[in-house]
Amino acid sequence: MIKKGLKVRVLAGKDKKKEGEVIEIDRENNRAKVKEINMVKKHVKTTKEKKGGIVNKESFIHLSNLKLIDEKTKNKKTMAKK
C-alpha cells in the first residue's frame, strides 16, 4: 500500500522511470502527489498577502501509475542460479 513518505517509481506518463517521495494522498480519487514529479504551471492571482504570477507545483498522479520501491533490495544484484 502506498503511504505518505514512501519512495515510489513512476511507471507511466511524462515522468516515467523517475523516483520520488509521496507528499500527499487523495484516497477518494486514488491519486497521489510525488515530490518533484508531474510538475505543472499554475497561474496564481495577486492578493493582499501573496504576489501573483506563474508557479510550478506538483500535480496528482493515479496510484496505478506508481510502484513502491523497496530500499533494502534496491542495491542488491540479482544472482543467476547454477
C-alpha atoms as a PDB file:
ATOM      1  CA  MET A   1       0.000   0.000   0.000  1.00  0.00           C
ATOM      2  CA  ILE A   2       1.301   3.432  -0.926  1.00  0.00           C
ATOM      3  CA  LYS A   3       1.502   5.816   2.029  1.00  0.00           C
ATOM      4  CA  LYS A   4       2.792   9.328   2.650  1.00  0.00           C
ATOM      5  CA  GLY A   5       6.581   9.460   2.977  1.00  0.00           C
ATOM      6  CA  LEU A   6       7.352   6.275   0.999  1.00  0.00           C
ATOM      7  CA  LYS A   7       9.592   6.175  -2.091  1.00  0.00           C
ATOM      8  CA  VAL A   8       7.867   5.331  -5.392  1.00  0.00           C
ATOM      9  CA  ARG A   9       8.783   4.958  -9.082  1.00  0.00           C
ATOM     10  CA  VAL A  10       6.569   6.340 -11.872  1.00  0.00           C
ATOM     11  CA  LEU A  11       5.501   3.648 -14.379  1.00  0.00           C
ATOM     12  CA  ALA A  12       3.706   5.782 -16.991  1.00  0.00           C
ATOM     13  CA  GLY A  13       3.461   9.348 -18.230  1.00  0.00           C
ATOM     14  CA  LYS A  14       5.902  12.155 -18.958  1.00  0.00           C
ATOM     15  CA  ASP A  15       7.960  11.367 -15.823  1.00  0.00           C
ATOM     16  CA  LYS A  16       8.289   7.628 -16.495  1.00  0.00           C
ATOM     17  CA  LYS A  17      11.147   5.865 -14.604  1.00  0.00           C
ATOM     18  CA  LYS A  18      11.639   8.800 -12.206  1.00  0.00           C
ATOM     19  CA  GLU A  19      11.621   8.253  -8.452  1.00  0.00           C
ATOM     20  CA  GLY A  20      10.371  10.424  -5.612  1.00  0.00           C
ATOM     21  CA  GLU A  21       8.720  10.614  -2.208  1.00  0.00           C
ATOM     22  CA  VAL A  22       4.935  10.697  -1.739  1.00  0.00           C
ATOM     23  CA  ILE A  23       3.924  14.027  -0.162  1.00  0.00           C
ATOM     24  CA  GLU A  24       0.119  13.794  -0.310  1.00  0.00           C
ATOM     25  CA  ILE A  25      -2.558  11.155  -0.994  1.00  0.00           C
ATOM     26  CA  ASP A  26      -6.153  11.545  -2.220  1.00  0.00           C
ATOM     27  CA  ARG A  27      -7.817   8.229  -1.303  1.00  0.00           C
ATOM     28  CA  GLU A  28     -11.232   9.164  -2.759  1.00  0.00           C
ATOM     29  CA  ASN A  29      -9.805   9.572  -6.274  1.00  0.00           C
ATOM     30  CA  ASN A  30      -6.924   7.036  -5.918  1.00  0.00           C
ATOM     31  CA  ARG A  31      -4.272   9.670  -6.606  1.00  0.00           C
ATOM     32  CA  ALA A  32      -1.005  10.796  -5.011  1.00  0.00           C
ATOM     33  CA  LYS A  33       1.397  13.733  -5.239  1.00  0.00           C
ATOM     34  CA  VAL A  34       5.074  12.869  -5.570  1.00  0.00           C
ATOM     35  CA  LYS A  35       7.844  15.367  -4.781  1.00  0.00           C
ATOM     36  CA  GLU A  36       9.375  16.941  -7.943  1.00  0.00           C
ATOM     37  CA  ILE A  37       7.226  14.711 -10.237  1.00  0.00           C
ATOM     38  CA  ASN A  38       4.410  15.749 -12.628  1.00  0.00           C
ATOM     39  CA  MET A  39       5.187  19.463 -12.310  1.00  0.00           C
ATOM     40  CA  VAL A  40       2.544  21.801 -13.776  1.00  0.00           C
ATOM     41  CA  LYS A  41       2.358  25.567 -14.139  1.00  0.00           C
ATOM     42  CA  LYS A  42      -0.375  27.209 -12.043  1.00  0.00           C
ATOM     43  CA  HIS A  43      -1.487  30.804 -12.620  1.00  0.00           C
ATOM     44  CA  VAL A  44      -1.975  32.495  -9.228  1.00  0.00           C
ATOM     45  CA  LYS A  45      -3.929  35.701  -8.786  1.00  0.00           C
ATOM     46  CA  THR A  46      -2.391  38.513  -6.706  1.00  0.00           C
ATOM     47  CA  THR A  47      -3.851  39.001  -3.217  1.00  0.00           C
ATOM     48  CA  LYS A  48      -3.008  41.283  -0.302  1.00  0.00           C
ATOM     49  CA  GLU A  49      -0.827  38.601   1.281  1.00  0.00           C
ATOM     50  CA  LYS A  50       0.729  36.950  -1.802  1.00  0.00           C
ATOM     51  CA  LYS A  51       2.194  38.110  -5.067  1.00  0.00           C
ATOM     52  CA  GLY A  52       0.648  36.539  -8.149  1.00  0.00           C
ATOM     53  CA  GLY A  53       2.263  35.011 -11.186  1.00  0.00           C
ATOM     54  CA  ILE A  54       3.015  31.614 -12.666  1.00  0.00           C
ATOM     55  CA  VAL A  55       4.006  28.995 -10.085  1.00  0.00           C
ATOM     56  CA  ASN A  56       5.393  25.474 -10.653  1.00  0.00           C
ATOM     57  CA  LYS A  57       3.812  22.845  -8.396  1.00  0.00           C
ATOM     58  CA  GLU A  58       3.240  19.099  -8.240  1.00  0.00           C
ATOM     59  CA  SER A  59       0.039  17.601  -9.600  1.00  0.00           C
ATOM     60  CA  PHE A  60      -1.651  14.331  -8.674  1.00  0.00           C
ATOM     61  CA  ILE A  61      -0.765  11.006 -10.352  1.00  0.00           C
ATOM     62  CA  HIS A  62      -3.044   7.952 -10.369  1.00  0.00           C
ATOM     63  CA  LEU A  63      -1.907   5.223  -7.963  1.00  0.00           C
ATOM     64  CA  SER A  64      -1.897   2.621 -10.752  1.00  0.00           C
ATOM     65  CA  ASN A  65       0.991   4.542 -12.364  1.00  0.00           C
ATOM     66  CA  LEU A  66       3.142   4.293  -9.233  1.00  0.00           C
ATOM     67  CA  LYS A  67       5.236   1.419  -7.873  1.00  0.00           C
ATOM     68  CA  LEU A  68       6.682   1.117  -4.374  1.00  0.00           C
ATOM     69  CA  ILE A  69      10.476   0.928  -4.158  1.00  0.00           C
ATOM     70  CA  ASP A  70      11.915  -1.452  -1.572  1.00  0.00           C
ATOM     71  CA  GLU A  71      15.013   0.326  -0.229  1.00  0.00           C
ATOM     72  CA  LYS A  72      16.517  -2.903   1.179  1.00  0.00           C
ATOM     73  CA  THR A  73      16.612  -4.832  -2.111  1.00  0.00           C
ATOM     74  CA  LYS A  74      17.266  -1.855  -4.421  1.00  0.00           C
ATOM     75  CA  ASN A  75      21.069  -2.049  -4.266  1.00  0.00           C
ATOM     76  CA  LYS A  76      21.408  -5.847  -4.331  1.00  0.00           C
ATOM     77  CA  LYS A  77      22.472  -7.526  -7.555  1.00  0.00           C
ATOM     78  CA  THR A  78      20.481 -10.500  -8.808  1.00  0.00           C
ATOM     79  CA  MET A  79      22.440 -13.709  -8.815  1.00  0.00           C
ATOM     80  CA  ALA A  80      21.924 -16.328 -11.547  1.00  0.00           C
ATOM     81  CA  LYS A  81      21.188 -19.815 -10.253  1.00  0.00           C
ATOM     82  CA  LYS A  82      23.592 -22.550 -11.287  1.00  0.00           C
END
